[in-house]
């Protein structure tokens, strides 16, 4: 999507805009130039914060999707082997441990991976 040149341009703008704003505050009498540079510098900081938030969200999606995939694969494997009791028992334990929350990370990824390992017999119950 983005080429290397566009990324370099964005990084330069994020660095140059605040510096240009600071320079204009001390070196120029043009009120509109100072205001425009200040507004652009502030907006660029909001843009950076938004991008960091989106990247963090993608990272969480990868963690949780990967853990869920391992849990589903382990469950299917044991169900095909006819070991329904093990799957049900471990999923009940997982259900008791998972506490959805928006205030903190619920560690679902670790709990799901641990449960998948228990179902596969890699961890003693």
PDB file of N, CA and C in Angstrom:
ATOM      1  N   UNK A   1       0.838  -1.181   0.000  1.00  0.00           N
ATOM      2  CA  UNK A   1       0.000   0.000   0.000  1.00  0.00           C
ATOM      3  C   UNK A   1       0.885   1.248   0.000  1.00  0.00           C
ATOM      4  N   UNK A   2       1.672   1.411   1.040  1.00  0.00           N
ATOM      5  CA  UNK A   2       2.583   2.543   1.099  1.00  0.00           C
ATOM      6  C   UNK A   2       3.938   2.128   0.551  1.00  0.00           C
ATOM      7  N   UNK A   3       4.513   3.007  -0.193  1.00  0.00           N
ATOM      8  CA  UNK A   3       5.876   2.737  -0.637  1.00  0.00           C
ATOM      9  C   UNK A   3       6.839   3.267   0.415  1.00  0.00           C
ATOM     10  N   UNK A   4       8.073   2.878   0.292  1.00  0.00           N
ATOM     11  CA  UNK A   4       9.087   3.343   1.246  1.00  0.00           C
ATOM     12  C   UNK A   4       9.216   4.859   1.219  1.00  0.00           C
ATOM     13  N   UNK A   5       9.075   5.430   0.036  1.00  0.00           N
ATOM     14  CA  UNK A   5       9.225   6.879  -0.098  1.00  0.00           C
ATOM     15  C   UNK A   5       8.101   7.615   0.636  1.00  0.00           C
ATOM     16  N   UNK A   6       6.893   7.078   0.596  1.00  0.00           N
ATOM     17  CA  UNK A   6       5.772   7.714   1.294  1.00  0.00           C
ATOM     18  C   UNK A   6       5.965   7.641   2.804  1.00  0.00           C
ATOM     19  N   UNK A   7       6.482   6.520   3.283  1.00  0.00           N
ATOM     20  CA  UNK A   7       6.719   6.373   4.717  1.00  0.00           C
ATOM     21  C   UNK A   7       7.771   7.374   5.179  1.00  0.00           C
ATOM     22  N   UNK A   8       8.832   7.518   4.397  1.00  0.00           N
ATOM     23  CA  UNK A   8       9.878   8.490   4.733  1.00  0.00           C
ATOM     24  C   UNK A   8       9.308   9.901   4.714  1.00  0.00           C
ATOM     25  N   UNK A   9       8.457  10.207   3.749  1.00  0.00           N
ATOM     26  CA  UNK A   9       7.836  11.530   3.668  1.00  0.00           C
ATOM     27  C   UNK A   9       6.964  11.809   4.888  1.00  0.00           C
ATOM     28  N   UNK A  10       6.195  10.825   5.321  1.00  0.00           N
ATOM     29  CA  UNK A  10       5.332  11.000   6.491  1.00  0.00           C
ATOM     30  C   UNK A  10       6.172  11.217   7.747  1.00  0.00           C
ATOM     31  N   UNK A  11       7.232  10.429   7.898  1.00  0.00           N
ATOM     32  CA  UNK A  11       8.109  10.587   9.067  1.00  0.00           C
ATOM     33  C   UNK A  11       8.744  11.977   9.065  1.00  0.00           C
ATOM     34  N   UNK A  12       9.191  12.426   7.900  1.00  0.00           N
ATOM     35  CA  UNK A  12       9.784  13.769   7.808  1.00  0.00           C
ATOM     36  C   UNK A  12       8.774  14.846   8.177  1.00  0.00           C
ATOM     37  N   UNK A  13       7.538  14.702   7.706  1.00  0.00           N
ATOM     38  CA  UNK A  13       6.510  15.693   8.043  1.00  0.00           C
ATOM     39  C   UNK A  13       6.224  15.726   9.538  1.00  0.00           C
ATOM     40  N   UNK A  14       6.188  14.560  10.149  1.00  0.00           N
ATOM     41  CA  UNK A  14       5.909  14.486  11.587  1.00  0.00           C
ATOM     42  C   UNK A  14       7.035  15.147  12.385  1.00  0.00           C
ATOM     43  N   UNK A  15       8.239  15.065  11.884  1.00  0.00           N
ATOM     44  CA  UNK A  15       9.374  15.685  12.578  1.00  0.00           C
ATOM     45  C   UNK A  15       9.508  17.163  12.207  1.00  0.00           C
ATOM     46  N   UNK A  16       9.336  17.479  10.930  1.00  0.00           N
ATOM     47  CA  UNK A  16       9.580  18.843  10.440  1.00  0.00           C
ATOM     48  C   UNK A  16       8.482  19.815  10.871  1.00  0.00           C
ATOM     49  N   UNK A  17       7.227  19.384  10.870  1.00  0.00           N
ATOM     50  CA  UNK A  17       6.137  20.314  11.202  1.00  0.00           C
ATOM     51  C   UNK A  17       6.277  20.937  12.596  1.00  0.00           C
ATOM     52  N   UNK A  18       6.507  20.158  13.647  1.00  0.00           N
ATOM     53  CA  UNK A  18       6.679  20.794  14.961  1.00  0.00           C
ATOM     54  C   UNK A  18       7.912  21.707  15.019  1.00  0.00           C
ATOM     55  N   UNK A  19       8.982  21.297  14.342  1.00  0.00           N
ATOM     56  CA  UNK A  19      10.173  22.147  14.325  1.00  0.00           C
ATOM     57  C   UNK A  19       9.923  23.449  13.574  1.00  0.00           C
ATOM     58  N   UNK A  20       9.202  23.354  12.457  1.00  0.00           N
ATOM     59  CA  UNK A  20       8.870  24.565  11.700  1.00  0.00           C
ATOM     60  C   UNK A  20       7.960  25.477  12.520  1.00  0.00           C
ATOM     61  N   UNK A  21       7.030  24.884  13.243  1.00  0.00           N
ATOM     62  CA  UNK A  21       6.137  25.672  14.095  1.00  0.00           C
ATOM     63  C   UNK A  21       6.946  26.386  15.181  1.00  0.00           C
ATOM     64  N   UNK A  22       7.836  25.667  15.846  1.00  0.00           N
ATOM     65  CA  UNK A  22       8.677  26.264  16.882  1.00  0.00           C
ATOM     66  C   UNK A  22       9.534  27.391  16.300  1.00  0.00           C
ATOM     67  N   UNK A  23      10.124  27.151  15.163  1.00  0.00           N
ATOM     68  CA  UNK A  23      10.963  28.167  14.509  1.00  0.00           C
ATOM     69  C   UNK A  23      10.144  29.406  14.151  1.00  0.00           C
ATOM     70  N   UNK A  24       8.924  29.176  13.628  1.00  0.00           N
ATOM     71  CA  UNK A  24       8.091  30.311  13.212  1.00  0.00           C
ATOM     72  C   UNK A  24       7.634  31.153  14.401  1.00  0.00           C
ATOM     73  N   UNK A  25       7.509  30.559  15.562  1.00  0.00           N
ATOM     74  CA  UNK A  25       7.083  31.306  16.740  1.00  0.00           C
ATOM     75  C   UNK A  25       8.116  32.357  17.147  1.00  0.00           C
ATOM     76  N   UNK A  26       9.374  32.082  16.880  1.00  0.00           N
ATOM     77  CA  UNK A  26      10.430  33.002  17.295  1.00  0.00           C
ATOM     78  C   UNK A  26      10.976  33.857  16.159  1.00  0.00           C
ATOM     79  N   UNK A  27      10.824  33.429  14.925  1.00  0.00           N
ATOM     80  CA  UNK A  27      11.506  34.094  13.819  1.00  0.00           C
ATOM     81  C   UNK A  27      10.600  34.856  12.859  1.00  0.00           C
ATOM     82  N   UNK A  28       9.302  34.638  12.915  1.00  0.00           N
ATOM     83  CA  UNK A  28       8.443  35.320  11.947  1.00  0.00           C
ATOM     84  C   UNK A  28       7.328  36.076  12.651  1.00  0.00           C
ATOM     85  N   UNK A  29       6.886  37.134  12.006  1.00  0.00           N
ATOM     86  CA  UNK A  29       5.783  37.932  12.536  1.00  0.00           C
ATOM     87  C   UNK A  29       4.452  37.550  11.877  1.00  0.00           C
ATOM     88  N   UNK A  30       4.495  36.656  10.895  1.00  0.00           N
ATOM     89  CA  UNK A  30       3.298  36.265  10.165  1.00  0.00           C
ATOM     90  C   UNK A  30       2.419  35.370  11.044  1.00  0.00           C
ATOM     91  N   UNK A  31       1.317  35.966  11.501  1.00  0.00           N
ATOM     92  CA  UNK A  31       0.409  35.267  12.418  1.00  0.00           C
ATOM     93  C   UNK A  31      -0.227  34.045  11.756  1.00  0.00           C
ATOM     94  N   UNK A  32      -0.615  34.147  10.492  1.00  0.00           N
ATOM     95  CA  UNK A  32      -1.289  33.051   9.805  1.00  0.00           C
ATOM     96  C   UNK A  32      -0.340  31.873   9.570  1.00  0.00           C
ATOM     97  N   UNK A  33       0.898  32.160   9.284  1.00  0.00           N
ATOM     98  CA  UNK A  33       1.880  31.088   9.105  1.00  0.00           C
ATOM     99  C   UNK A  33       2.084  30.332  10.416  1.00  0.00           C
ATOM    100  N   UNK A  34       2.215  31.072  11.521  1.00  0.00           N
ATOM    101  CA  UNK A  34       2.402  30.437  12.831  1.00  0.00           C
ATOM    102  C   UNK A  34       1.193  29.586  13.198  1.00  0.00           C
ATOM    103  N   UNK A  35       0.001  30.116  12.995  1.00  0.00           N
ATOM    104  CA  UNK A  35      -1.227  29.367  13.324  1.00  0.00           C
ATOM    105  C   UNK A  35      -1.372  28.127  12.447  1.00  0.00           C
ATOM    106  N   UNK A  36      -1.093  28.277  11.161  1.00  0.00           N
ATOM    107  CA  UNK A  36      -1.220  27.143  10.239  1.00  0.00           C
ATOM    108  C   UNK A  36      -0.228  26.039  10.595  1.00  0.00           C
ATOM    109  N   UNK A  37       1.021  26.415  10.840  1.00  0.00           N
ATOM    110  CA  UNK A  37       2.018  25.413  11.216  1.00  0.00           C
ATOM    111  C   UNK A  37       1.675  24.758  12.555  1.00  0.00           C
ATOM    112  N   UNK A  38       1.159  25.529  13.500  1.00  0.00           N
ATOM    113  CA  UNK A  38       0.763  24.971  14.788  1.00  0.00           C
ATOM    114  C   UNK A  38      -0.367  23.974  14.652  1.00  0.00           C
ATOM    115  N   UNK A  39      -1.371  24.326  13.871  1.00  0.00           N
ATOM    116  CA  UNK A  39      -2.509  23.418  13.660  1.00  0.00           C
ATOM    117  C   UNK A  39      -2.050  22.143  12.956  1.00  0.00           C
ATOM    118  N   UNK A  40      -1.217  22.288  11.930  1.00  0.00           N
ATOM    119  CA  UNK A  40      -0.725  21.107  11.207  1.00  0.00           C
ATOM    120  C   UNK A  40       0.137  20.215  12.103  1.00  0.00           C
ATOM    121  N   UNK A  41       0.959  20.821  12.957  1.00  0.00           N
ATOM    122  CA  UNK A  41       1.792  20.037  13.868  1.00  0.00           C
ATOM    123  C   UNK A  41       0.932  19.259  14.860  1.00  0.00           C
ATOM    124  N   UNK A  42      -0.100  19.893  15.391  1.00  0.00           N
ATOM    125  CA  UNK A  42      -0.990  19.218  16.341  1.00  0.00           C
ATOM    126  C   UNK A  42      -1.771  18.105  15.651  1.00  0.00           C
ATOM    127  N   UNK A  43      -2.272  18.374  14.456  1.00  0.00           N
ATOM    128  CA  UNK A  43      -3.003  17.340  13.717  1.00  0.00           C
ATOM    129  C   UNK A  43      -2.104  16.154  13.367  1.00  0.00           C
ATOM    130  N   UNK A  44      -0.852  16.428  13.050  1.00  0.00           N
ATOM    131  CA  UNK A  44       0.050  15.318  12.737  1.00  0.00           C
ATOM    132  C   UNK A  44       0.286  14.447  13.975  1.00  0.00           C
ATOM    133  N   UNK A  45       0.311  15.055  15.154  1.00  0.00           N
ATOM    134  CA  UNK A  45       0.486  14.246  16.370  1.00  0.00           C
ATOM    135  C   UNK A  45      -0.738  13.363  16.618  1.00  0.00           C
ATOM    136  N   UNK A  46      -1.931  13.887  16.314  1.00  0.00           N
ATOM    137  CA  UNK A  46      -3.130  13.053  16.430  1.00  0.00           C
ATOM    138  C   UNK A  46      -3.086  11.902  15.423  1.00  0.00           C
ATOM    139  N   UNK A  47      -2.582  12.179  14.232  1.00  0.00           N
ATOM    140  CA  UNK A  47      -2.453  11.133  13.218  1.00  0.00           C
ATOM    141  C   UNK A  47      -1.516  10.028  13.656  1.00  0.00           C
ATOM    142  N   UNK A  48      -0.403  10.407  14.258  1.00  0.00           N
ATOM    143  CA  UNK A  48       0.556   9.415  14.753  1.00  0.00           C
ATOM    144  C   UNK A  48      -0.082   8.583  15.863  1.00  0.00           C
ATOM    145  N   UNK A  49      -0.786   9.232  16.781  1.00  0.00           N
ATOM    146  CA  UNK A  49      -1.437   8.501  17.875  1.00  0.00           C
ATOM    147  C   UNK A  49      -2.478   7.522  17.322  1.00  0.00           C
ATOM    148  N   UNK A  50      -3.216   7.934  16.311  1.00  0.00           N
ATOM    149  CA  UNK A  50      -4.219   7.060  15.695  1.00  0.00           C
ATOM    150  C   UNK A  50      -3.551   5.843  15.064  1.00  0.00           C
ATOM    151  N   UNK A  51      -2.466   6.064  14.330  1.00  0.00           N
ATOM    152  CA  UNK A  51      -1.773   4.955  13.676  1.00  0.00           C
ATOM    153  C   UNK A  51      -1.194   3.968  14.687  1.00  0.00           C
ATOM    154  N   UNK A  52      -0.635   4.487  15.765  1.00  0.00           N
ATOM    155  CA  UNK A  52      -0.088   3.600  16.802  1.00  0.00           C
ATOM    156  C   UNK A  52      -1.209   2.773  17.423  1.00  0.00           C
ATOM    157  N   UNK A  53      -2.349   3.394  17.670  1.00  0.00           N
ATOM    158  CA  UNK A  53      -3.493   2.660  18.220  1.00  0.00           C
ATOM    159  C   UNK A  53      -3.980   1.571  17.283  1.00  0.00           C
ATOM    160  N   UNK A  54      -4.021   1.860  15.999  1.00  0.00           N
ATOM    161  CA  UNK A  54      -4.469   0.861  15.026  1.00  0.00           C
ATOM    162  C   UNK A  54      -3.484  -0.300  14.930  1.00  0.00           C
ATOM    163  N   UNK A  55      -2.191  -0.004  14.962  1.00  0.00           N
ATOM    164  CA  UNK A  55      -1.186  -1.069  14.922  1.00  0.00           C
ATOM    165  C   UNK A  55      -1.271  -1.949  16.168  1.00  0.00           C
ATOM    166  N   UNK A  56      -1.513  -1.338  17.320  1.00  0.00           N
ATOM    167  CA  UNK A  56      -1.663  -2.100  18.557  1.00  0.00           C
ATOM    168  C   UNK A  56      -2.891  -3.009  18.476  1.00  0.00           C
ATOM    169  N   UNK A  57      -3.967  -2.485  17.919  1.00  0.00           N
ATOM    170  CA  UNK A  57      -5.196  -3.273  17.764  1.00  0.00           C
ATOM    171  C   UNK A  57      -4.962  -4.466  16.839  1.00  0.00           C
ATOM    172  N   UNK A  58      -4.243  -4.246  15.744  1.00  0.00           N
ATOM    173  CA  UNK A  58      -3.925  -5.345  14.838  1.00  0.00           C
ATOM    174  C   UNK A  58      -3.088  -6.410  15.544  1.00  0.00           C
ATOM    175  N   UNK A  59      -2.169  -5.968  16.378  1.00  0.00           N
ATOM    176  CA  UNK A  59      -1.329  -6.897  17.126  1.00  0.00           C
ATOM    177  C   UNK A  59      -2.182  -7.774  18.041  1.00  0.00           C
ATOM    178  N   UNK A  60      -3.135  -7.166  18.759  1.00  0.00           N
ATOM    179  CA  UNK A  60      -4.030  -7.948  19.613  1.00  0.00           C
ATOM    180  C   UNK A  60      -4.851  -8.924  18.781  1.00  0.00           C
ATOM    181  N   UNK A  61      -5.341  -8.495  17.626  1.00  0.00           N
ATOM    182  CA  UNK A  61      -6.125  -9.389  16.768  1.00  0.00           C
ATOM    183  C   UNK A  61      -5.310 -10.607  16.349  1.00  0.00           C
ATOM    184  N   UNK A  62      -4.031 -10.393  16.061  1.00  0.00           N
ATOM    185  CA  UNK A  62      -3.170 -11.510  15.671  1.00  0.00           C
ATOM    186  C   UNK A  62      -2.998 -12.476  16.843  1.00  0.00           C
ATOM    187  N   UNK A  63      -2.732 -11.935  18.039  1.00  0.00           N
ATOM    188  CA  UNK A  63      -2.553 -12.796  19.214  1.00  0.00           C
ATOM    189  C   UNK A  63      -3.783 -13.654  19.467  1.00  0.00           C
ATOM    190  N   UNK A  64      -4.944 -13.009  19.496  1.00  0.00           N
ATOM    191  CA  UNK A  64      -6.166 -13.719  19.845  1.00  0.00           C
ATOM    192  C   UNK A  64      -6.599 -14.686  18.748  1.00  0.00           C
ATOM    193  N   UNK A  65      -6.428 -14.301  17.502  1.00  0.00           N
ATOM    194  CA  UNK A  65      -6.787 -15.198  16.402  1.00  0.00           C
ATOM    195  C   UNK A  65      -5.902 -16.430  16.398  1.00  0.00           C
ATOM    196  N   UNK A  66      -4.627 -16.252  16.644  1.00  0.00           N
ATOM    197  CA  UNK A  66      -3.696 -17.374  16.680  1.00  0.00           C
ATOM    198  C   UNK A  66      -4.031 -18.328  17.829  1.00  0.00           C
ATOM    199  N   UNK A  67      -4.303 -17.777  18.999  1.00  0.00           N
ATOM    200  CA  UNK A  67      -4.636 -18.620  20.154  1.00  0.00           C
ATOM    201  C   UNK A  67      -5.949 -19.365  19.923  1.00  0.00           C
ATOM    202  N   UNK A  68      -6.930 -18.696  19.348  1.00  0.00           N
ATOM    203  CA  UNK A  68      -8.217 -19.343  19.076  1.00  0.00           C
ATOM    204  C   UNK A  68      -8.045 -20.448  18.047  1.00  0.00           C
ATOM    205  N   UNK A  69      -7.217 -20.201  17.046  1.00  0.00           N
ATOM    206  CA  UNK A  69      -6.967 -21.218  16.018  1.00  0.00           C
ATOM    207  C   UNK A  69      -6.359 -22.480  16.646  1.00  0.00           C
ATOM    208  N   UNK A  70      -5.387 -22.309  17.543  1.00  0.00           N
ATOM    209  CA  UNK A  70      -4.761 -23.459  18.210  1.00  0.00           C
ATOM    210  C   UNK A  70      -5.788 -24.223  19.050  1.00  0.00           C
ATOM    211  N   UNK A  71      -6.651 -23.473  19.742  1.00  0.00           N
ATOM    212  CA  UNK A  71      -7.678 -24.101  20.570  1.00  0.00           C
ATOM    213  C   UNK A  71      -8.670 -24.895  19.722  1.00  0.00           C
ATOM    214  N   UNK A  72      -9.090 -24.321  18.628  1.00  0.00           N
ATOM    215  CA  UNK A  72     -10.043 -25.004  17.739  1.00  0.00           C
ATOM    216  C   UNK A  72      -9.409 -26.250  17.131  1.00  0.00           C
ATOM    217  N   UNK A  73      -8.163 -26.131  16.656  1.00  0.00           N
ATOM    218  CA  UNK A  73      -7.483 -27.279  16.062  1.00  0.00           C
ATOM    219  C   UNK A  73      -7.322 -28.418  17.067  1.00  0.00           C
ATOM    220  N   UNK A  74      -6.926 -28.072  18.301  1.00  0.00           N
ATOM    221  CA  UNK A  74      -6.763 -29.101  19.331  1.00  0.00           C
ATOM    222  C   UNK A  74      -8.101 -29.756  19.661  1.00  0.00           C
ATOM    223  N   UNK A  75      -9.155 -28.954  19.732  1.00  0.00           N
ATOM    224  CA  UNK A  75     -10.481 -29.498  20.040  1.00  0.00           C
ATOM    225  C   UNK A  75     -10.955 -30.440  18.943  1.00  0.00           C
ATOM    226  N   UNK A  76     -10.788 -30.031  17.703  1.00  0.00           N
ATOM    227  CA  UNK A  76     -11.215 -30.875  16.577  1.00  0.00           C
ATOM    228  C   UNK A  76     -10.441 -32.197  16.570  1.00  0.00           C
ATOM    229  N   UNK A  77      -9.142 -32.115  16.802  1.00  0.00           N
ATOM    230  CA  UNK A  77      -8.303 -33.319  16.809  1.00  0.00           C
ATOM    231  C   UNK A  77      -8.787 -34.323  17.853  1.00  0.00           C
ATOM    232  N   UNK A  78      -9.032 -33.826  19.067  1.00  0.00           N
ATOM    233  CA  UNK A  78      -9.467 -34.742  20.140  1.00  0.00           C
ATOM    234  C   UNK A  78     -10.896 -35.224  19.919  1.00  0.00           C
ATOM    235  N   UNK A  79     -11.756 -34.383  19.374  1.00  0.00           N
ATOM    236  CA  UNK A  79     -13.126 -34.821  19.094  1.00  0.00           C
ATOM    237  C   UNK A  79     -13.138 -35.908  18.021  1.00  0.00           C
ATOM    238  N   UNK A  80     -12.276 -35.774  17.022  1.00  0.00           N
ATOM    239  CA  UNK A  80     -12.184 -36.810  15.984  1.00  0.00           C
ATOM    240  C   UNK A  80     -11.644 -38.120  16.550  1.00  0.00           C
ATOM    241  N   UNK A  81     -10.795 -38.015  17.586  1.00  0.00           N
ATOM    242  CA  UNK A  81     -10.274 -39.213  18.253  1.00  0.00           C
ATOM    243  C   UNK A  81     -11.299 -39.804  19.222  1.00  0.00           C
ATOM    244  N   UNK A  82     -12.410 -39.110  19.427  1.00  0.00           N
ATOM    245  CA  UNK A  82     -13.456 -39.601  20.318  1.00  0.00           C
ATOM    246  C   UNK A  82     -13.242 -39.251  21.781  1.00  0.00           C
ATOM    247  N   UNK A  83     -12.336 -38.366  22.062  1.00  0.00           N
ATOM    248  CA  UNK A  83     -12.046 -37.982  23.448  1.00  0.00           C
ATOM    249  C   UNK A  83     -12.842 -36.718  23.819  1.00  0.00           C
ATOM    250  N   UNK A  84     -14.133 -36.876  23.811  1.00  0.00           N
ATOM    251  CA  UNK A  84     -15.050 -35.761  24.045  1.00  0.00           C
ATOM    252  C   UNK A  84     -14.944 -35.246  25.482  1.00  0.00           C
ATOM    253  N   UNK A  85     -14.772 -36.152  26.438  1.00  0.00           N
ATOM    254  CA  UNK A  85     -14.720 -35.753  27.853  1.00  0.00           C
ATOM    255  C   UNK A  85     -13.572 -34.787  28.139  1.00  0.00           C
ATOM    256  N   UNK A  86     -12.398 -35.041  27.540  1.00  0.00           N
ATOM    257  CA  UNK A  86     -11.241 -34.165  27.765  1.00  0.00           C
ATOM    258  C   UNK A  86     -11.535 -32.765  27.243  1.00  0.00           C
ATOM    259  N   UNK A  87     -12.105 -32.706  26.048  1.00  0.00           N
ATOM    260  CA  UNK A  87     -12.400 -31.404  25.435  1.00  0.00           C
ATOM    261  C   UNK A  87     -13.406 -30.641  26.277  1.00  0.00           C
ATOM    262  N   UNK A  88     -14.470 -31.301  26.676  1.00  0.00           N
ATOM    263  CA  UNK A  88     -15.501 -30.632  27.472  1.00  0.00           C
ATOM    264  C   UNK A  88     -14.931 -30.171  28.810  1.00  0.00           C
ATOM    265  N   UNK A  89     -14.170 -31.019  29.463  1.00  0.00           N
ATOM    266  CA  UNK A  89     -13.588 -30.668  30.760  1.00  0.00           C
ATOM    267  C   UNK A  89     -12.688 -29.439  30.644  1.00  0.00           C
ATOM    268  N   UNK A  90     -11.805 -29.419  29.659  1.00  0.00           N
ATOM    269  CA  UNK A  90     -10.872 -28.290  29.520  1.00  0.00           C
ATOM    270  C   UNK A  90     -11.579 -27.016  29.070  1.00  0.00           C
ATOM    271  N   UNK A  91     -12.592 -27.146  28.230  1.00  0.00           N
ATOM    272  CA  UNK A  91     -13.339 -25.951  27.820  1.00  0.00           C
ATOM    273  C   UNK A  91     -14.136 -25.362  28.984  1.00  0.00           C
ATOM    274  N   UNK A  92     -14.620 -26.206  29.877  1.00  0.00           N
ATOM    275  CA  UNK A  92     -15.295 -25.707  31.081  1.00  0.00           C
ATOM    276  C   UNK A  92     -14.325 -24.946  31.968  1.00  0.00           C
ATOM    277  N   UNK A  93     -13.117 -25.489  32.124  1.00  0.00           N
ATOM    278  CA  UNK A  93     -12.100 -24.800  32.925  1.00  0.00           C
ATOM    279  C   UNK A  93     -11.773 -23.446  32.284  1.00  0.00           C
ATOM    280  N   UNK A  94     -11.598 -23.445  30.964  1.00  0.00           N
ATOM    281  CA  UNK A  94     -11.319 -22.194  30.246  1.00  0.00           C
ATOM    282  C   UNK A  94     -12.455 -21.198  30.422  1.00  0.00           C
ATOM    283  N   UNK A  95     -13.671 -21.688  30.332  1.00  0.00           N
ATOM    284  CA  UNK A  95     -14.837 -20.808  30.488  1.00  0.00           C
ATOM    285  C   UNK A  95     -14.858 -20.143  31.856  1.00  0.00           C
ATOM    286  N   UNK A  96     -14.429 -20.873  32.873  1.00  0.00           N
ATOM    287  CA  UNK A  96     -14.379 -20.301  34.216  1.00  0.00           C
ATOM    288  C   UNK A  96     -13.272 -19.276  34.386  1.00  0.00           C
ATOM    289  N   UNK A  97     -12.196 -19.410  33.615  1.00  0.00           N
ATOM    290  CA  UNK A  97     -11.058 -18.503  33.745  1.00  0.00           C
ATOM    291  C   UNK A  97     -11.197 -17.237  32.914  1.00  0.00           C
ATOM    292  N   UNK A  98     -11.882 -17.314  31.781  1.00  0.00           N
ATOM    293  CA  UNK A  98     -11.994 -16.162  30.884  1.00  0.00           C
ATOM    294  C   UNK A  98     -12.951 -15.147  31.474  1.00  0.00           C
ATOM    295  N   UNK A  99     -12.470 -13.927  31.601  1.00  0.00           N
ATOM    296  CA  UNK A  99     -13.299 -12.830  32.091  1.00  0.00           C
ATOM    297  C   UNK A  99     -13.144 -11.649  31.140  1.00  0.00           C
ATOM    298  N   UNK A 100     -14.084 -11.505  30.192  1.00  0.00           N
ATOM    299  CA  UNK A 100     -13.987 -10.404  29.232  1.00  0.00           C
ATOM    300  C   UNK A 100     -14.013  -9.049  29.951  1.00  0.00           C
ATOM    301  N   UNK A 101     -13.166  -8.157  29.516  1.00  0.00           N
ATOM    302  CA  UNK A 101     -13.081  -6.851  30.143  1.00  0.00           C
ATOM    303  C   UNK A 101     -12.551  -5.836  29.147  1.00  0.00           C
ATOM    304  N   UNK A 102     -12.917  -4.603  29.344  1.00  0.00           N
ATOM    305  CA  UNK A 102     -12.366  -3.531  28.515  1.00  0.00           C
ATOM    306  C   UNK A 102     -11.328  -2.734  29.302  1.00  0.00           C
ATOM    307  N   UNK A 103     -11.220  -2.977  30.584  1.00  0.00           N
ATOM    308  CA  UNK A 103     -10.334  -2.196  31.440  1.00  0.00           C
ATOM    309  C   UNK A 103      -8.889  -2.685  31.409  1.00  0.00           C
ATOM    310  N   UNK A 104      -8.703  -3.955  31.168  1.00  0.00           N
ATOM    311  CA  UNK A 104      -7.363  -4.523  31.181  1.00  0.00           C
ATOM    312  C   UNK A 104      -7.334  -5.670  30.193  1.00  0.00           C
ATOM    313  N   UNK A 105      -6.144  -6.139  29.896  1.00  0.00           N
ATOM    314  CA  UNK A 105      -6.010  -7.281  29.003  1.00  0.00           C
ATOM    315  C   UNK A 105      -6.442  -8.534  29.754  1.00  0.00           C
ATOM    316  N   UNK A 106      -7.356  -9.286  29.192  1.00  0.00           N
ATOM    317  CA  UNK A 106      -7.901 -10.464  29.861  1.00  0.00           C
ATOM    318  C   UNK A 106      -7.045 -11.705  29.749  1.00  0.00           C
ATOM    319  N   UNK A 107      -5.932 -11.652  29.029  1.00  0.00           N
ATOM    320  CA  UNK A 107      -5.010 -12.766  28.839  1.00  0.00           C
ATOM    321  C   UNK A 107      -5.682 -13.971  28.194  1.00  0.00           C
ATOM    322  N   UNK A 108      -6.648 -13.702  27.340  1.00  0.00           N
ATOM    323  CA  UNK A 108      -7.325 -14.787  26.638  1.00  0.00           C
ATOM    324  C   UNK A 108      -6.338 -15.599  25.804  1.00  0.00           C
ATOM    325  N   UNK A 109      -5.394 -14.908  25.183  1.00  0.00           N
ATOM    326  CA  UNK A 109      -4.453 -15.611  24.321  1.00  0.00           C
ATOM    327  C   UNK A 109      -3.665 -16.670  25.088  1.00  0.00           C
ATOM    328  N   UNK A 110      -3.213 -16.332  26.288  1.00  0.00           N
ATOM    329  CA  UNK A 110      -2.451 -17.298  27.098  1.00  0.00           C
ATOM    330  C   UNK A 110      -3.351 -18.422  27.601  1.00  0.00           C
ATOM    331  N   UNK A 111      -4.570 -18.064  28.023  1.00  0.00           N
ATOM    332  CA  UNK A 111      -5.502 -19.083  28.524  1.00  0.00           C
ATOM    333  C   UNK A 111      -5.895 -20.060  27.419  1.00  0.00           C
ATOM    334  N   UNK A 112      -6.139 -19.545  26.218  1.00  0.00           N
ATOM    335  CA  UNK A 112      -6.539 -20.409  25.106  1.00  0.00           C
ATOM    336  C   UNK A 112      -5.392 -21.330  24.696  1.00  0.00           C
ATOM    337  N   UNK A 113      -4.178 -20.799  24.657  1.00  0.00           N
ATOM    338  CA  UNK A 113      -3.035 -21.643  24.307  1.00  0.00           C
ATOM    339  C   UNK A 113      -2.783 -22.711  25.371  1.00  0.00           C
ATOM    340  N   UNK A 114      -2.928 -22.340  26.629  1.00  0.00           N
ATOM    341  CA  UNK A 114      -2.750 -23.303  27.712  1.00  0.00           C
ATOM    342  C   UNK A 114      -3.792 -24.415  27.615  1.00  0.00           C
ATOM    343  N   UNK A 115      -5.028 -24.028  27.332  1.00  0.00           N
ATOM    344  CA  UNK A 115      -6.100 -25.022  27.198  1.00  0.00           C
ATOM    345  C   UNK A 115      -5.844 -25.934  26.002  1.00  0.00           C
ATOM    346  N   UNK A 116      -5.384 -25.362  24.887  1.00  0.00           N
ATOM    347  CA  UNK A 116      -5.078 -26.179  23.702  1.00  0.00           C
ATOM    348  C   UNK A 116      -3.970 -27.177  24.032  1.00  0.00           C
ATOM    349  N   UNK A 117      -2.968 -26.740  24.775  1.00  0.00           N
ATOM    350  CA  UNK A 117      -1.884 -27.653  25.154  1.00  0.00           C
ATOM    351  C   UNK A 117      -2.381 -28.757  26.090  1.00  0.00           C
ATOM    352  N   UNK A 118      -3.297 -28.422  26.991  1.00  0.00           N
ATOM    353  CA  UNK A 118      -3.861 -29.435  27.901  1.00  0.00           C
ATOM    354  C   UNK A 118      -4.703 -30.441  27.115  1.00  0.00           C
ATOM    355  N   UNK A 119      -5.464 -29.945  26.150  1.00  0.00           N
ATOM    356  CA  UNK A 119      -6.294 -30.840  25.340  1.00  0.00           C
ATOM    357  C   UNK A 119      -5.402 -31.792  24.541  1.00  0.00           C
ATOM    358  N   UNK A 120      -4.306 -31.262  24.014  1.00  0.00           N
ATOM    359  CA  UNK A 120      -3.370 -32.090  23.237  1.00  0.00           C
ATOM    360  C   UNK A 120      -2.543 -33.010  24.126  1.00  0.00           C
ATOM    361  N   UNK A 121      -2.609 -32.816  25.431  1.00  0.00           N
ATOM    362  CA  UNK A 121      -1.868 -33.660  26.353  1.00  0.00           C
ATOM    363  C   UNK A 121      -0.429 -33.216  26.551  1.00  0.00           C
ATOM    364  N   UNK A 122      -0.089 -32.007  26.097  1.00  0.00           N
ATOM    365  CA  UNK A 122       1.269 -31.506  26.242  1.00  0.00           C
ATOM    366  C   UNK A 122       1.548 -31.007  27.661  1.00  0.00           C
ATOM    367  N   UNK A 123       0.471 -30.647  28.386  1.00  0.00           N
ATOM    368  CA  UNK A 123       0.591 -30.186  29.777  1.00  0.00           C
ATOM    369  C   UNK A 123      -0.262 -31.112  30.634  1.00  0.00           C
ATOM    370  N   UNK A 124       0.285 -31.559  31.749  1.00  0.00           N
ATOM    371  CA  UNK A 124      -0.485 -32.421  32.651  1.00  0.00           C
ATOM    372  C   UNK A 124      -1.611 -31.625  33.282  1.00  0.00           C
ATOM    373  N   UNK A 125      -2.765 -32.248  33.419  1.00  0.00           N
ATOM    374  CA  UNK A 125      -3.927 -31.550  33.977  1.00  0.00           C
ATOM    375  C   UNK A 125      -3.779 -31.265  35.428  1.00  0.00           C
TER     376      UNK A 125
END
